[in-house]
Amino acid sequence: MKQAEQRKEQQERLEIARKAQEQAELEAKTKKVGNKRVDKTTGEVVDEYRTFKFTAKVNIQQAQALVEFLKTNDIEYETEVVNS
């Protein structure tokens, strides 16, 4: 049981390291221009960011899961509590 937990933690650390490496490589090859990321060599737009606004009615557990998803996927977000 403990070995399974250790393997899971190791896999999670490896995934975090892999994402960090990918991000570092992307940033080394590209530059940010406005809301776009452009390849320094070719000038090609490799990623474009847009801002979306939506409202979701969720309970506390769902809100926590949503925030965790956003963090895991490196998505910038803002929260605003609206009582309805």
N, C-alpha and C. Protein backbone atom coordinates (compact mmCIF):
# COMPACT_ATOMS: atom_id res chain seq x y z
N MET A 1 0.83 -1.19 0.00
CA MET A 1 0.00 0.00 0.00
C MET A 1 0.88 1.26 0.00
N LYS A 2 1.87 1.28 0.87
CA LYS A 2 2.74 2.45 0.97
C LYS A 2 3.56 2.63 -0.31
N GLN A 3 3.98 1.52 -0.92
CA GLN A 3 4.74 1.60 -2.16
C GLN A 3 3.88 2.19 -3.28
N ALA A 4 2.61 1.85 -3.30
CA ALA A 4 1.71 2.39 -4.32
C ALA A 4 1.58 3.90 -4.16
N GLU A 5 1.48 4.36 -2.92
CA GLU A 5 1.39 5.79 -2.66
C GLU A 5 2.68 6.49 -3.08
N GLN A 6 3.82 5.87 -2.78
CA GLN A 6 5.10 6.45 -3.15
C GLN A 6 5.24 6.53 -4.67
N ARG A 7 4.80 5.48 -5.37
CA ARG A 7 4.85 5.50 -6.84
C ARG A 7 3.95 6.59 -7.40
N LYS A 8 2.78 6.74 -6.81
CA LYS A 8 1.85 7.78 -7.27
C LYS A 8 2.46 9.16 -7.06
N GLU A 9 3.06 9.39 -5.90
CA GLU A 9 3.70 10.68 -5.61
C GLU A 9 4.87 10.92 -6.57
N GLN A 10 5.63 9.87 -6.85
CA GLN A 10 6.75 10.00 -7.79
C GLN A 10 6.23 10.35 -9.18
N GLN A 11 5.16 9.70 -9.61
CA GLN A 11 4.57 9.99 -10.92
C GLN A 11 4.09 11.44 -10.98
N GLU A 12 3.48 11.92 -9.90
CA GLU A 12 3.01 13.29 -9.86
C GLU A 12 4.18 14.27 -9.95
N ARG A 13 5.27 13.97 -9.23
CA ARG A 13 6.46 14.83 -9.30
C ARG A 13 7.06 14.83 -10.69
N LEU A 14 7.10 13.66 -11.32
CA LEU A 14 7.62 13.57 -12.69
C LEU A 14 6.75 14.36 -13.66
N GLU A 15 5.45 14.31 -13.49
CA GLU A 15 4.53 15.05 -14.36
C GLU A 15 4.72 16.56 -14.17
N ILE A 16 4.89 17.00 -12.94
CA ILE A 16 5.13 18.42 -12.67
C ILE A 16 6.44 18.85 -13.30
N ALA A 17 7.47 18.02 -13.17
CA ALA A 17 8.78 18.34 -13.76
C ALA A 17 8.68 18.39 -15.29
N ARG A 18 7.92 17.46 -15.87
CA ARG A 18 7.75 17.43 -17.33
C ARG A 18 7.05 18.69 -17.82
N LYS A 19 6.01 19.10 -17.12
CA LYS A 19 5.29 20.32 -17.50
C LYS A 19 6.19 21.54 -17.37
N ALA A 20 6.98 21.59 -16.32
CA ALA A 20 7.90 22.71 -16.12
C ALA A 20 8.93 22.75 -17.24
N GLN A 21 9.44 21.59 -17.65
CA GLN A 21 10.41 21.51 -18.74
C GLN A 21 9.79 21.97 -20.05
N GLU A 22 8.57 21.51 -20.33
CA GLU A 22 7.87 21.93 -21.55
C GLU A 22 7.67 23.45 -21.57
N GLN A 23 7.27 24.00 -20.43
CA GLN A 23 7.05 25.45 -20.35
C GLN A 23 8.35 26.20 -20.55
N ALA A 24 9.44 25.71 -19.97
CA ALA A 24 10.74 26.37 -20.12
C ALA A 24 11.19 26.33 -21.58
N GLU A 25 10.98 25.20 -22.25
CA GLU A 25 11.34 25.08 -23.66
C GLU A 25 10.50 26.02 -24.52
N LEU A 26 9.21 26.11 -24.24
CA LEU A 26 8.33 27.00 -24.98
C LEU A 26 8.78 28.44 -24.81
N GLU A 27 9.08 28.83 -23.58
CA GLU A 27 9.49 30.20 -23.32
C GLU A 27 10.84 30.52 -23.95
N ALA A 28 11.71 29.53 -24.05
CA ALA A 28 13.03 29.75 -24.66
C ALA A 28 12.91 29.95 -26.17
N LYS A 29 11.96 29.27 -26.81
CA LYS A 29 11.80 29.32 -28.26
C LYS A 29 10.86 30.43 -28.72
N THR A 30 10.10 30.99 -27.80
CA THR A 30 9.06 31.94 -28.19
C THR A 30 9.15 33.21 -27.36
N LYS A 31 8.40 34.21 -27.80
CA LYS A 31 8.27 35.43 -27.00
C LYS A 31 6.80 35.82 -26.96
N LYS A 32 6.42 36.48 -25.91
CA LYS A 32 5.03 36.90 -25.74
C LYS A 32 4.85 38.26 -26.39
N VAL A 33 3.85 38.35 -27.26
CA VAL A 33 3.52 39.60 -27.93
C VAL A 33 2.02 39.83 -27.72
N GLY A 34 1.70 40.75 -26.84
CA GLY A 34 0.29 40.98 -26.51
C GLY A 34 -0.29 39.73 -25.86
N ASN A 35 -1.35 39.20 -26.45
CA ASN A 35 -1.98 37.99 -25.91
C ASN A 35 -1.58 36.75 -26.71
N LYS A 36 -0.48 36.86 -27.46
CA LYS A 36 -0.02 35.74 -28.29
C LYS A 36 1.40 35.35 -27.91
N ARG A 37 1.75 34.12 -28.20
CA ARG A 37 3.11 33.65 -28.06
C ARG A 37 3.60 33.33 -29.47
N VAL A 38 4.74 33.97 -29.85
CA VAL A 38 5.25 33.91 -31.21
C VAL A 38 6.61 33.21 -31.23
N ASP A 39 6.80 32.31 -32.21
CA ASP A 39 8.08 31.61 -32.39
C ASP A 39 9.14 32.65 -32.75
N LYS A 40 10.26 32.67 -32.03
CA LYS A 40 11.31 33.67 -32.27
C LYS A 40 11.96 33.49 -33.63
N THR A 41 12.04 32.29 -34.13
CA THR A 41 12.71 32.01 -35.40
C THR A 41 11.82 32.28 -36.60
N THR A 42 10.60 31.74 -36.57
CA THR A 42 9.72 31.80 -37.75
C THR A 42 8.71 32.94 -37.71
N GLY A 43 8.45 33.48 -36.53
CA GLY A 43 7.42 34.51 -36.40
C GLY A 43 6.01 33.93 -36.35
N GLU A 44 5.90 32.61 -36.37
CA GLU A 44 4.61 31.94 -36.34
C GLU A 44 3.96 32.06 -34.97
N VAL A 45 2.65 32.32 -34.95
CA VAL A 45 1.90 32.35 -33.70
C VAL A 45 1.71 30.91 -33.25
N VAL A 46 2.23 30.59 -32.08
CA VAL A 46 2.14 29.22 -31.58
C VAL A 46 1.06 29.06 -30.51
N ASP A 47 0.64 30.15 -29.93
CA ASP A 47 -0.40 30.08 -28.92
C ASP A 47 -1.05 31.44 -28.79
N GLU A 48 -2.34 31.46 -28.65
CA GLU A 48 -3.06 32.71 -28.48
C GLU A 48 -3.98 32.57 -27.29
N TYR A 49 -3.96 33.57 -26.44
CA TYR A 49 -4.75 33.53 -25.22
C TYR A 49 -5.96 34.44 -25.37
N ARG A 50 -7.07 33.98 -24.85
CA ARG A 50 -8.30 34.77 -24.84
C ARG A 50 -8.87 34.73 -23.43
N THR A 51 -9.61 35.74 -23.11
CA THR A 51 -10.25 35.79 -21.80
C THR A 51 -11.72 35.48 -21.98
N PHE A 52 -12.22 34.56 -21.18
CA PHE A 52 -13.63 34.19 -21.20
C PHE A 52 -14.22 34.50 -19.84
N LYS A 53 -15.48 34.86 -19.83
CA LYS A 53 -16.16 35.11 -18.57
C LYS A 53 -17.41 34.25 -18.56
N PHE A 54 -17.58 33.49 -17.48
CA PHE A 54 -18.78 32.69 -17.36
C PHE A 54 -19.18 32.58 -15.90
N THR A 55 -20.39 32.19 -15.69
CA THR A 55 -20.92 32.04 -14.34
C THR A 55 -21.32 30.59 -14.15
N ALA A 56 -20.97 30.02 -13.02
CA ALA A 56 -21.32 28.64 -12.71
C ALA A 56 -21.87 28.59 -11.29
N LYS A 57 -22.97 27.89 -11.12
CA LYS A 57 -23.54 27.71 -9.78
C LYS A 57 -23.07 26.35 -9.28
N VAL A 58 -22.18 26.38 -8.27
CA VAL A 58 -21.56 25.16 -7.76
C VAL A 58 -21.56 25.17 -6.24
N ASN A 59 -21.39 23.98 -5.67
CA ASN A 59 -21.23 23.92 -4.22
C ASN A 59 -19.74 24.08 -3.90
N ILE A 60 -19.40 24.12 -2.63
CA ILE A 60 -18.02 24.38 -2.20
C ILE A 60 -17.06 23.32 -2.75
N GLN A 61 -17.45 22.05 -2.67
CA GLN A 61 -16.58 20.99 -3.16
C GLN A 61 -16.34 21.12 -4.66
N GLN A 62 -17.37 21.45 -5.41
CA GLN A 62 -17.22 21.63 -6.85
C GLN A 62 -16.32 22.83 -7.15
N ALA A 63 -16.48 23.90 -6.39
CA ALA A 63 -15.65 25.08 -6.58
C ALA A 63 -14.19 24.74 -6.31
N GLN A 64 -13.94 23.98 -5.26
CA GLN A 64 -12.56 23.58 -4.95
C GLN A 64 -11.99 22.71 -6.06
N ALA A 65 -12.79 21.80 -6.59
CA ALA A 65 -12.33 20.93 -7.68
C ALA A 65 -12.04 21.75 -8.94
N LEU A 66 -12.88 22.74 -9.20
CA LEU A 66 -12.68 23.60 -10.36
C LEU A 66 -11.39 24.41 -10.22
N VAL A 67 -11.16 24.96 -9.05
CA VAL A 67 -9.94 25.73 -8.81
C VAL A 67 -8.72 24.82 -8.95
N GLU A 68 -8.80 23.61 -8.44
CA GLU A 68 -7.69 22.67 -8.56
C GLU A 68 -7.41 22.34 -10.03
N PHE A 69 -8.48 22.17 -10.82
CA PHE A 69 -8.32 21.92 -12.26
C PHE A 69 -7.61 23.10 -12.93
N LEU A 70 -8.03 24.31 -12.61
CA LEU A 70 -7.43 25.50 -13.21
C LEU A 70 -5.95 25.60 -12.84
N LYS A 71 -5.63 25.35 -11.58
CA LYS A 71 -4.23 25.40 -11.15
C LYS A 71 -3.41 24.33 -11.83
N THR A 72 -3.93 23.11 -11.88
CA THR A 72 -3.21 21.99 -12.49
C THR A 72 -2.89 22.27 -13.95
N ASN A 73 -3.78 22.98 -14.63
CA ASN A 73 -3.61 23.25 -16.05
C ASN A 73 -3.03 24.64 -16.31
N ASP A 74 -2.47 25.25 -15.27
CA ASP A 74 -1.83 26.57 -15.39
C ASP A 74 -2.72 27.60 -16.09
N ILE A 75 -3.98 27.63 -15.69
CA ILE A 75 -4.95 28.57 -16.25
C ILE A 75 -5.10 29.73 -15.27
N GLU A 76 -4.85 30.94 -15.75
CA GLU A 76 -5.05 32.11 -14.90
C GLU A 76 -6.56 32.30 -14.69
N TYR A 77 -6.93 32.67 -13.47
CA TYR A 77 -8.35 32.83 -13.18
C TYR A 77 -8.56 33.86 -12.09
N GLU A 78 -9.75 34.37 -12.03
CA GLU A 78 -10.19 35.25 -10.96
C GLU A 78 -11.48 34.69 -10.42
N THR A 79 -11.72 34.88 -9.16
CA THR A 79 -12.98 34.40 -8.59
C THR A 79 -13.74 35.57 -8.00
N GLU A 80 -15.02 35.42 -8.02
CA GLU A 80 -15.92 36.41 -7.41
C GLU A 80 -17.11 35.64 -6.86
N VAL A 81 -17.33 35.76 -5.59
CA VAL A 81 -18.46 35.07 -4.98
C VAL A 81 -19.71 35.93 -5.16
N VAL A 82 -20.73 35.30 -5.72
CA VAL A 82 -22.00 35.99 -5.94
C VAL A 82 -23.07 35.18 -5.20
N ASN A 83 -23.72 35.79 -4.25
CA ASN A 83 -24.78 35.10 -3.53
C ASN A 83 -26.06 35.15 -4.32
N SER A 84 -26.59 33.97 -4.62
CA SER A 84 -27.85 33.92 -5.37
C SER A 84 -28.81 32.98 -4.71
